[in-house]
Amino acid sequence: MTPTVEEIITEAQQLPPEEQQRLLDILTGLLTSAPQPSTSLPPAGPYAFSLALAGSAHSDFTDTSADKYRHLAEAGRDR
């Protein structure tokens, strides 16, 4: 099981001061080397909102795209 942040902090507080400083130095280094989130604005336009939502929704209804292999098999079958 993954420890919680609170459990990690409690254990870190029990470390000797030199180990606490070492841990702080390592964590600070990780924070400064982490990639920063992009601050660029999303593209504007009439479809920007729809494109931002693309692929994020789920529906309980099946359609051709949800069952494409079955539909492709039916389309390619000899009649």
Protein backbone atom coordinates (compact mmCIF):
# COMPACT_ATOMS: atom_id res chain seq x y z
CA MET A 1 0.00 0.00 0.00
CA THR A 2 1.29 3.46 -0.86
CA PRO A 3 1.87 5.68 2.18
CA THR A 4 -0.05 8.91 2.49
CA VAL A 5 1.65 12.30 2.47
CA GLU A 6 0.93 12.64 6.17
CA GLU A 7 2.67 9.30 6.89
CA ILE A 8 5.70 10.35 4.87
CA ILE A 9 5.91 13.67 6.72
CA THR A 10 5.61 11.94 10.10
CA GLU A 11 8.48 9.61 9.20
CA ALA A 12 10.56 12.50 7.83
CA GLN A 13 10.12 14.40 11.11
CA GLN A 14 11.69 11.45 12.95
CA LEU A 15 14.87 11.65 10.87
CA PRO A 16 18.01 13.27 12.28
CA PRO A 17 18.45 16.93 11.24
CA GLU A 18 21.18 16.15 8.66
CA GLU A 19 18.95 13.54 6.99
CA GLN A 20 16.01 15.97 6.99
CA GLN A 21 18.22 18.53 5.22
CA ARG A 22 19.35 15.89 2.71
CA LEU A 23 15.72 14.96 2.02
CA LEU A 24 14.80 18.63 1.62
CA ASP A 25 17.68 19.15 -0.83
CA ILE A 26 16.60 16.15 -2.91
CA LEU A 27 12.95 17.25 -2.99
CA THR A 28 13.92 20.82 -3.88
CA GLY A 29 16.06 19.50 -6.73
CA LEU A 30 13.14 17.44 -8.01
CA LEU A 31 10.84 20.45 -7.93
CA THR A 32 13.24 22.70 -9.82
CA SER A 33 13.96 20.09 -12.48
CA ALA A 34 10.30 19.11 -13.01
CA PRO A 35 8.78 20.25 -16.30
CA GLN A 36 6.70 23.37 -15.85
CA PRO A 37 3.11 23.35 -17.09
CA SER A 38 2.46 25.14 -20.33
CA THR A 39 1.05 28.62 -19.95
CA SER A 40 0.02 28.95 -23.58
CA LEU A 41 -3.63 29.57 -24.29
CA PRO A 42 -5.70 26.95 -26.09
CA PRO A 43 -6.45 27.71 -29.72
CA ALA A 44 -9.43 29.94 -30.26
CA GLY A 45 -12.09 29.42 -32.85
CA PRO A 46 -15.58 28.11 -33.31
CA TYR A 47 -14.61 24.49 -32.59
CA ALA A 48 -12.09 25.07 -29.77
CA PHE A 49 -14.47 24.03 -26.98
CA SER A 50 -15.60 20.90 -28.84
CA LEU A 51 -12.03 19.91 -29.68
CA ALA A 52 -10.98 20.35 -26.06
CA LEU A 53 -13.69 17.88 -25.01
CA ALA A 54 -12.92 15.37 -27.76
CA GLY A 55 -12.36 11.89 -26.36
CA SER A 56 -13.28 12.80 -22.79
CA ALA A 57 -16.93 11.75 -22.80
CA HIS A 58 -18.51 8.32 -22.45
CA SER A 59 -21.88 7.09 -23.59
CA ASP A 60 -23.77 3.91 -22.77
CA PHE A 61 -25.04 3.80 -26.34
CA THR A 62 -23.15 1.78 -28.90
CA ASP A 63 -22.45 3.21 -32.29
CA THR A 64 -20.40 2.27 -35.30
CA SER A 65 -17.15 3.60 -33.81
CA ALA A 66 -17.64 1.67 -30.55
CA ASP A 67 -18.15 -1.60 -32.38
CA LYS A 68 -16.26 -0.90 -35.60
CA TYR A 69 -14.85 -4.40 -36.13
CA ARG A 70 -18.28 -5.99 -36.14
CA HIS A 71 -19.57 -3.34 -38.56
CA LEU A 72 -16.51 -3.67 -40.80
CA ALA A 73 -16.93 -7.44 -40.86
CA GLU A 74 -20.56 -7.07 -41.88
CA ALA A 75 -19.66 -4.55 -44.59
CA GLY A 76 -16.98 -6.82 -46.06
CA ARG A 77 -19.04 -10.02 -45.93
CA ASP A 78 -20.27 -11.53 -49.19
CA ARG A 79 -23.98 -11.17 -49.62
